[in-house]
Every structure is written in structure tokens, then in C-alpha cells.
Amino acid sequence: MLVTQKGFSLVELLIALLLGSVLLAMVIGLYVTGVSSGAKSLKYSRLRTDLQSIISVMETDIRRAGYGGDEFMVGSGATQTVDSINSAEQDCIVYYYNHDAAPSITDANKMAFRFIPGENEIQFGTGVGPLASDCYAAGNGSWTALSDKQFIKITALDFTDLTDSSISGASATMRSVQIELAGELASDSRYTHSIKTKVQVRNLEFK
């Protein structure tokens, strides 16, 4: 007895191939979307982490302002432990402290953070004059970049000098500095992040 074997017709094969292609395209699309989303999340996470690291460095250092005696006080008339400037073109904070047990003040103890809008970066300086306006004077201080402008574009850095309260008899003042930092991805300005924090200067100001 002759048995007839049947297979798929050309139309059925074409339909199966079409459905398989559509399914494969959907899977590839989901994979590409997932990879792209993961990469963007990673970049944003790094943006936040890098900005938080910069803030942490500034907080830790500024908190020590004034440590080391009268020589390390900074500001107009040596009455402040920290001096800052906040304007459209200049944003800088100057502070001194004796971090190396130096017998007298040296350039290594004269520190500052400043924002350079044209470079979109934050810089750390040593050997800076006692006033925040000295940060932008030609030849004043030795500066190195604190932020990576190839990855992060710093868009704002503001320092606001605050006087929180007075201690009994107004003989001493507790001073704090508010720091506001904002940045975005250099490769994609849609990814932005900002941080605001307040730092209490370690040593009190006695009048």
C-alpha cells in the first residue's frame, strides 16, 4: 500500500518565517532597550555618586576651618574662620587650618575651592590669599581640578555663609556654610543632579 507523505506548503513556510522574524525582532528590541536603559541608569548613578563625592570632600575639609590657632583664622580682619564669595562670575570659599602640625602658617595650609564657569569644573587650591576674592586674582594660588569635565559638566557651585546662632552673651558665633552643587552629564544634558548641604565650621568665632 502506497503511503502519501505530506509536508508544509510554500505559503505555510513563508508565514512561519514571517512570524519567527517578528518574534525575533521583538526579542532583540527588548534586549536593546534593556541594555540602553541599563547604560543610562549607570551613567546617572555615576553622576550622582561623583557629585556626592565632591560634596563630601568639601564638607570634610571646610569643617576643619580655623583649627590651629589665631594664625589660621581667615577673613576680613581675621574675625572669621572661613570666607566665601557668591556671584554670577565668582564662586569660591577660602579656609585655613593646620593639617600638618606646621609651627607657622604655610601655603599648604591656605586652601580654597572655586568654580570656573568657562571650564565647567571645580578646582581645589592651595596658597590662596585670606579673602575669597583672592581666588580669581592672577597668579594667586596653585589649582588642580577636582571634577572630571570629560564626564561631568558642573553647572553651579554656590557658597552661602550663614550665622546660625549666638552663644550666651554674644561672645561667640557658630558659623555654617551652605553649599549648593549642580551638574549634568557632559554627553547628555538631560541627565542632571543637584545637591544642597550645610556644613558647620569646627571652631567658634570669639569676639
C-alpha atoms as a PDB file:
ATOM      1  CA  MET A   1       0.000   0.000   0.000  1.00  0.00           C
ATOM      2  CA  LEU A   2       1.418   3.340  -1.015  1.00  0.00           C
ATOM      3  CA  VAL A   3       1.563   5.952   1.817  1.00  0.00           C
ATOM      4  CA  THR A   4       1.448   9.577   0.763  1.00  0.00           C
ATOM      5  CA  GLN A   5       3.634  11.928   2.892  1.00  0.00           C
ATOM      6  CA  LYS A   6       2.550  15.488   3.241  1.00  0.00           C
ATOM      7  CA  GLY A   7       4.771  18.475   4.149  1.00  0.00           C
ATOM      8  CA  PHE A   8       4.372  22.193   4.574  1.00  0.00           C
ATOM      9  CA  SER A   9       3.384  24.263   1.630  1.00  0.00           C
ATOM     10  CA  LEU A  10       5.467  27.237   0.499  1.00  0.00           C
ATOM     11  CA  VAL A  11       2.824  29.632   1.853  1.00  0.00           C
ATOM     12  CA  GLU A  12       2.930  27.958   5.277  1.00  0.00           C
ATOM     13  CA  LEU A  13       6.719  28.170   5.364  1.00  0.00           C
ATOM     14  CA  LEU A  14       6.638  31.854   4.452  1.00  0.00           C
ATOM     15  CA  ILE A  15       4.056  32.566   7.176  1.00  0.00           C
ATOM     16  CA  ALA A  16       6.131  30.674   9.759  1.00  0.00           C
ATOM     17  CA  LEU A  17       9.260  32.547   8.673  1.00  0.00           C
ATOM     18  CA  LEU A  18       7.435  35.882   8.940  1.00  0.00           C
ATOM     19  CA  LEU A  19       6.102  35.116  12.416  1.00  0.00           C
ATOM     20  CA  GLY A  20       9.527  33.928  13.536  1.00  0.00           C
ATOM     21  CA  SER A  21      11.147  37.107  12.220  1.00  0.00           C
ATOM     22  CA  VAL A  22       8.598  39.300  14.016  1.00  0.00           C
ATOM     23  CA  LEU A  23       9.171  37.417  17.267  1.00  0.00           C
ATOM     24  CA  LEU A  24      12.949  37.668  16.879  1.00  0.00           C
ATOM     25  CA  ALA A  25      12.693  41.401  16.167  1.00  0.00           C
ATOM     26  CA  MET A  26      10.620  41.896  19.332  1.00  0.00           C
ATOM     27  CA  VAL A  27      13.138  39.978  21.450  1.00  0.00           C
ATOM     28  CA  ILE A  28      16.073  41.931  20.001  1.00  0.00           C
ATOM     29  CA  GLY A  29      14.182  45.209  20.544  1.00  0.00           C
ATOM     30  CA  LEU A  30      13.529  44.374  24.191  1.00  0.00           C
ATOM     31  CA  TYR A  31      17.177  43.419  24.672  1.00  0.00           C
ATOM     32  CA  VAL A  32      18.478  46.631  23.092  1.00  0.00           C
ATOM     33  CA  THR A  33      16.036  48.722  25.159  1.00  0.00           C
ATOM     34  CA  GLY A  34      17.122  46.949  28.335  1.00  0.00           C
ATOM     35  CA  VAL A  35      20.818  47.430  27.596  1.00  0.00           C
ATOM     36  CA  SER A  36      20.299  51.103  26.698  1.00  0.00           C
ATOM     37  CA  SER A  37      18.225  51.729  29.824  1.00  0.00           C
ATOM     38  CA  GLY A  38      20.822  49.994  31.963  1.00  0.00           C
ATOM     39  CA  ALA A  39      23.631  52.075  30.486  1.00  0.00           C
ATOM     40  CA  LYS A  40      21.723  55.306  31.093  1.00  0.00           C
ATOM     41  CA  SER A  41      20.937  54.282  34.680  1.00  0.00           C
ATOM     42  CA  LEU A  42      24.617  53.511  35.229  1.00  0.00           C
ATOM     43  CA  LYS A  43      25.664  56.913  33.897  1.00  0.00           C
ATOM     44  CA  TYR A  44      23.123  58.737  36.068  1.00  0.00           C
ATOM     45  CA  SER A  45      24.220  56.711  39.074  1.00  0.00           C
ATOM     46  CA  ARG A  46      27.825  57.699  38.452  1.00  0.00           C
ATOM     47  CA  LEU A  47      26.796  61.348  38.045  1.00  0.00           C
ATOM     48  CA  ARG A  48      25.092  61.297  41.444  1.00  0.00           C
ATOM     49  CA  THR A  49      27.972  59.410  43.051  1.00  0.00           C
ATOM     50  CA  ASP A  50      30.632  61.760  41.676  1.00  0.00           C
ATOM     51  CA  LEU A  51      28.751  64.888  42.768  1.00  0.00           C
ATOM     52  CA  GLN A  52      28.194  63.402  46.226  1.00  0.00           C
ATOM     53  CA  SER A  53      31.901  62.563  46.468  1.00  0.00           C
ATOM     54  CA  ILE A  54      32.835  66.161  45.632  1.00  0.00           C
ATOM     55  CA  ILE A  55      30.416  67.468  48.257  1.00  0.00           C
ATOM     56  CA  SER A  56      31.829  65.042  50.834  1.00  0.00           C
ATOM     57  CA  VAL A  57      35.389  66.211  50.175  1.00  0.00           C
ATOM     58  CA  MET A  58      34.366  69.857  50.595  1.00  0.00           C
ATOM     59  CA  GLU A  59      32.311  69.162  53.724  1.00  0.00           C
ATOM     60  CA  THR A  60      35.120  67.262  55.422  1.00  0.00           C
ATOM     61  CA  ASP A  61      37.737  69.914  54.694  1.00  0.00           C
ATOM     62  CA  ILE A  62      35.681  73.060  55.348  1.00  0.00           C
ATOM     63  CA  ARG A  63      34.530  71.639  58.682  1.00  0.00           C
ATOM     64  CA  ARG A  64      38.151  71.929  59.905  1.00  0.00           C
ATOM     65  CA  ALA A  65      38.427  75.645  59.110  1.00  0.00           C
ATOM     66  CA  GLY A  66      40.141  77.624  61.860  1.00  0.00           C
ATOM     67  CA  TYR A  67      41.871  74.693  63.521  1.00  0.00           C
ATOM     68  CA  GLY A  68      45.412  75.523  64.639  1.00  0.00           C
ATOM     69  CA  GLY A  69      45.208  78.877  66.406  1.00  0.00           C
ATOM     70  CA  ASP A  70      44.846  82.556  65.551  1.00  0.00           C
ATOM     71  CA  GLU A  71      47.120  82.359  62.501  1.00  0.00           C
ATOM     72  CA  PHE A  72      44.678  80.045  60.794  1.00  0.00           C
ATOM     73  CA  MET A  73      41.665  82.304  61.156  1.00  0.00           C
ATOM     74  CA  VAL A  74      40.617  83.702  57.783  1.00  0.00           C
ATOM     75  CA  GLY A  75      38.508  86.613  56.642  1.00  0.00           C
ATOM     76  CA  SER A  76      38.327  90.373  56.807  1.00  0.00           C
ATOM     77  CA  GLY A  77      40.125  91.496  59.938  1.00  0.00           C
ATOM     78  CA  ALA A  78      40.841  87.846  60.845  1.00  0.00           C
ATOM     79  CA  THR A  79      37.458  87.609  62.542  1.00  0.00           C
ATOM     80  CA  GLN A  80      36.079  84.688  60.531  1.00  0.00           C
ATOM     81  CA  THR A  81      37.155  81.081  60.217  1.00  0.00           C
ATOM     82  CA  VAL A  82      36.062  80.992  56.587  1.00  0.00           C
ATOM     83  CA  ASP A  83      35.414  83.498  53.800  1.00  0.00           C
ATOM     84  CA  SER A  84      33.290  82.976  50.696  1.00  0.00           C
ATOM     85  CA  ILE A  85      32.099  84.822  47.608  1.00  0.00           C
ATOM     86  CA  ASN A  86      28.962  84.054  45.637  1.00  0.00           C
ATOM     87  CA  SER A  87      28.264  85.953  42.429  1.00  0.00           C
ATOM     88  CA  ALA A  88      27.378  85.343  38.796  1.00  0.00           C
ATOM     89  CA  GLU A  89      31.044  85.019  37.824  1.00  0.00           C
ATOM     90  CA  GLN A  90      32.808  84.126  41.075  1.00  0.00           C
ATOM     91  CA  ASP A  91      32.015  81.295  43.480  1.00  0.00           C
ATOM     92  CA  CYS A  92      34.791  80.458  45.897  1.00  0.00           C
ATOM     93  CA  ILE A  93      35.419  79.588  49.528  1.00  0.00           C
ATOM     94  CA  VAL A  94      38.739  80.136  51.325  1.00  0.00           C
ATOM     95  CA  TYR A  95      39.607  78.474  54.613  1.00  0.00           C
ATOM     96  CA  TYR A  96      42.767  77.834  56.609  1.00  0.00           C
ATOM     97  CA  TYR A  97      43.587  75.062  59.059  1.00  0.00           C
ATOM     98  CA  ASN A  98      46.739  73.416  60.339  1.00  0.00           C
ATOM     99  CA  HIS A  99      46.513  69.904  58.911  1.00  0.00           C
ATOM    100  CA  ASP A 100      50.236  69.133  59.135  1.00  0.00           C
ATOM    101  CA  ALA A 101      51.151  70.492  62.593  1.00  0.00           C
ATOM    102  CA  ALA A 102      53.177  73.278  60.980  1.00  0.00           C
ATOM    103  CA  PRO A 103      54.845  75.628  63.519  1.00  0.00           C
ATOM    104  CA  SER A 104      53.658  78.580  61.423  1.00  0.00           C
ATOM    105  CA  ILE A 105      51.249  79.058  58.555  1.00  0.00           C
ATOM    106  CA  THR A 106      52.445  77.971  55.107  1.00  0.00           C
ATOM    107  CA  ASP A 107      50.930  77.881  51.611  1.00  0.00           C
ATOM    108  CA  ALA A 108      49.896  74.261  52.232  1.00  0.00           C
ATOM    109  CA  ASN A 109      47.528  75.489  54.965  1.00  0.00           C
ATOM    110  CA  LYS A 110      45.839  78.131  52.798  1.00  0.00           C
ATOM    111  CA  MET A 111      43.099  76.232  50.988  1.00  0.00           C
ATOM    112  CA  ALA A 112      40.137  77.019  48.757  1.00  0.00           C
ATOM    113  CA  PHE A 113      37.522  75.573  46.417  1.00  0.00           C
ATOM    114  CA  ARG A 114      36.386  77.544  43.382  1.00  0.00           C
ATOM    115  CA  PHE A 115      34.104  77.155  40.356  1.00  0.00           C
ATOM    116  CA  ILE A 116      35.333  78.082  36.883  1.00  0.00           C
ATOM    117  CA  PRO A 117      32.214  78.556  34.677  1.00  0.00           C
ATOM    118  CA  GLY A 118      34.217  78.673  31.453  1.00  0.00           C
ATOM    119  CA  GLU A 119      35.764  75.293  32.227  1.00  0.00           C
ATOM    120  CA  ASN A 120      32.634  73.846  33.882  1.00  0.00           C
ATOM    121  CA  GLU A 121      34.765  72.384  36.643  1.00  0.00           C
ATOM    122  CA  ILE A 122      35.545  72.726  40.344  1.00  0.00           C
ATOM    123  CA  GLN A 123      39.124  73.352  41.384  1.00  0.00           C
ATOM    124  CA  PHE A 124      40.965  72.934  44.675  1.00  0.00           C
ATOM    125  CA  GLY A 125      43.682  75.423  45.502  1.00  0.00           C
ATOM    126  CA  THR A 126      46.489  75.961  47.990  1.00  0.00           C
ATOM    127  CA  GLY A 127      48.486  79.078  48.759  1.00  0.00           C
ATOM    128  CA  VAL A 128      45.379  81.257  48.331  1.00  0.00           C
ATOM    129  CA  GLY A 129      45.017  84.708  49.892  1.00  0.00           C
ATOM    130  CA  PRO A 130      42.823  85.150  53.002  1.00  0.00           C
ATOM    131  CA  LEU A 131      39.810  86.578  51.166  1.00  0.00           C
ATOM    132  CA  ALA A 132      37.521  84.722  48.758  1.00  0.00           C
ATOM    133  CA  SER A 133      38.023  87.448  46.148  1.00  0.00           C
ATOM    134  CA  ASP A 134      41.690  86.368  46.031  1.00  0.00           C
ATOM    135  CA  CYS A 135      40.610  83.106  44.353  1.00  0.00           C
ATOM    136  CA  TYR A 136      40.344  84.814  40.989  1.00  0.00           C
ATOM    137  CA  ALA A 137      43.347  87.120  41.257  1.00  0.00           C
ATOM    138  CA  ALA A 138      46.003  86.399  38.656  1.00  0.00           C
ATOM    139  CA  GLY A 139      48.817  84.230  39.987  1.00  0.00           C
ATOM    140  CA  ASN A 140      47.104  83.652  43.328  1.00  0.00           C
ATOM    141  CA  GLY A 141      47.296  80.031  44.451  1.00  0.00           C
ATOM    142  CA  SER A 142      48.059  76.703  42.848  1.00  0.00           C
ATOM    143  CA  TRP A 143      44.949  74.992  41.450  1.00  0.00           C
ATOM    144  CA  THR A 144      44.045  71.450  40.409  1.00  0.00           C
ATOM    145  CA  ALA A 145      40.780  70.103  39.004  1.00  0.00           C
ATOM    146  CA  LEU A 146      38.521  68.336  41.488  1.00  0.00           C
ATOM    147  CA  SER A 147      35.860  67.296  38.951  1.00  0.00           C
ATOM    148  CA  ASP A 148      36.192  65.339  35.693  1.00  0.00           C
ATOM    149  CA  LYS A 149      34.850  67.665  32.994  1.00  0.00           C
ATOM    150  CA  GLN A 150      35.110  64.897  30.399  1.00  0.00           C
ATOM    151  CA  PHE A 151      32.259  63.137  32.194  1.00  0.00           C
ATOM    152  CA  ILE A 152      30.549  65.765  34.379  1.00  0.00           C
ATOM    153  CA  LYS A 153      29.712  69.332  33.430  1.00  0.00           C
ATOM    154  CA  ILE A 154      29.448  71.361  36.629  1.00  0.00           C
ATOM    155  CA  THR A 155      26.693  73.921  36.108  1.00  0.00           C
ATOM    156  CA  ALA A 156      26.629  75.634  39.514  1.00  0.00           C
ATOM    157  CA  LEU A 157      28.527  75.851  42.790  1.00  0.00           C
ATOM    158  CA  ASP A 158      27.299  78.310  45.402  1.00  0.00           C
ATOM    159  CA  PHE A 159      28.649  79.019  48.879  1.00  0.00           C
ATOM    160  CA  THR A 160      26.450  80.905  51.340  1.00  0.00           C
ATOM    161  CA  ASP A 161      27.976  81.990  54.636  1.00  0.00           C
ATOM    162  CA  LEU A 162      25.407  81.534  57.402  1.00  0.00           C
ATOM    163  CA  THR A 163      25.387  82.585  61.034  1.00  0.00           C
ATOM    164  CA  ASP A 164      23.173  80.085  62.808  1.00  0.00           C
ATOM    165  CA  SER A 165      23.071  81.366  66.351  1.00  0.00           C
ATOM    166  CA  SER A 166      24.906  83.208  69.074  1.00  0.00           C
ATOM    167  CA  ILE A 167      26.185  81.667  72.240  1.00  0.00           C
ATOM    168  CA  SER A 168      25.466  83.215  75.652  1.00  0.00           C
ATOM    169  CA  GLY A 169      26.325  86.885  75.848  1.00  0.00           C
ATOM    170  CA  ALA A 170      27.046  87.003  72.105  1.00  0.00           C
ATOM    171  CA  SER A 171      30.704  86.356  72.910  1.00  0.00           C
ATOM    172  CA  ALA A 172      30.987  83.668  70.263  1.00  0.00           C
ATOM    173  CA  THR A 173      29.293  82.877  66.978  1.00  0.00           C
ATOM    174  CA  MET A 174      28.537  79.497  65.477  1.00  0.00           C
ATOM    175  CA  ARG A 175      29.080  79.752  61.732  1.00  0.00           C
ATOM    176  CA  SER A 176      27.834  77.448  58.997  1.00  0.00           C
ATOM    177  CA  VAL A 177      28.321  77.360  55.243  1.00  0.00           C
ATOM    178  CA  GLN A 178      25.632  76.228  52.837  1.00  0.00           C
ATOM    179  CA  ILE A 179      26.922  74.500  49.707  1.00  0.00           C
ATOM    180  CA  GLU A 180      24.828  74.039  46.565  1.00  0.00           C
ATOM    181  CA  LEU A 181      26.250  71.932  43.761  1.00  0.00           C
ATOM    182  CA  ALA A 182      24.663  71.085  40.397  1.00  0.00           C
ATOM    183  CA  GLY A 183      25.940  69.177  37.386  1.00  0.00           C
ATOM    184  CA  GLU A 184      24.946  67.234  34.301  1.00  0.00           C
ATOM    185  CA  LEU A 185      26.392  64.528  32.101  1.00  0.00           C
ATOM    186  CA  ALA A 186      28.825  66.013  29.592  1.00  0.00           C
ATOM    187  CA  SER A 187      27.486  63.633  26.948  1.00  0.00           C
ATOM    188  CA  ASP A 188      23.772  64.166  27.645  1.00  0.00           C
ATOM    189  CA  SER A 189      22.421  67.327  29.282  1.00  0.00           C
ATOM    190  CA  ARG A 190      19.100  65.604  30.002  1.00  0.00           C
ATOM    191  CA  TYR A 191      20.747  63.890  32.970  1.00  0.00           C
ATOM    192  CA  THR A 192      21.115  66.421  35.766  1.00  0.00           C
ATOM    193  CA  HIS A 193      21.516  66.290  39.525  1.00  0.00           C
ATOM    194  CA  SER A 194      21.854  68.849  42.317  1.00  0.00           C
ATOM    195  CA  ILE A 195      22.818  68.646  45.992  1.00  0.00           C
ATOM    196  CA  LYS A 196      22.416  71.098  48.845  1.00  0.00           C
ATOM    197  CA  THR A 197      24.089  70.701  52.228  1.00  0.00           C
ATOM    198  CA  LYS A 198      25.109  72.767  55.241  1.00  0.00           C
ATOM    199  CA  VAL A 199      28.464  72.484  56.994  1.00  0.00           C
ATOM    200  CA  GLN A 200      29.162  73.770  60.472  1.00  0.00           C
ATOM    201  CA  VAL A 201      32.646  75.198  60.821  1.00  0.00           C
ATOM    202  CA  ARG A 202      34.507  73.317  63.532  1.00  0.00           C
ATOM    203  CA  ASN A 203      35.769  76.238  65.594  1.00  0.00           C
ATOM    204  CA  LEU A 204      33.715  79.037  67.079  1.00  0.00           C
ATOM    205  CA  GLU A 205      34.448  82.698  66.426  1.00  0.00           C
ATOM    206  CA  PHE A 206      35.084  84.637  69.614  1.00  0.00           C
ATOM    207  CA  LYS A 207      34.568  88.369  69.621  1.00  0.00           C
END
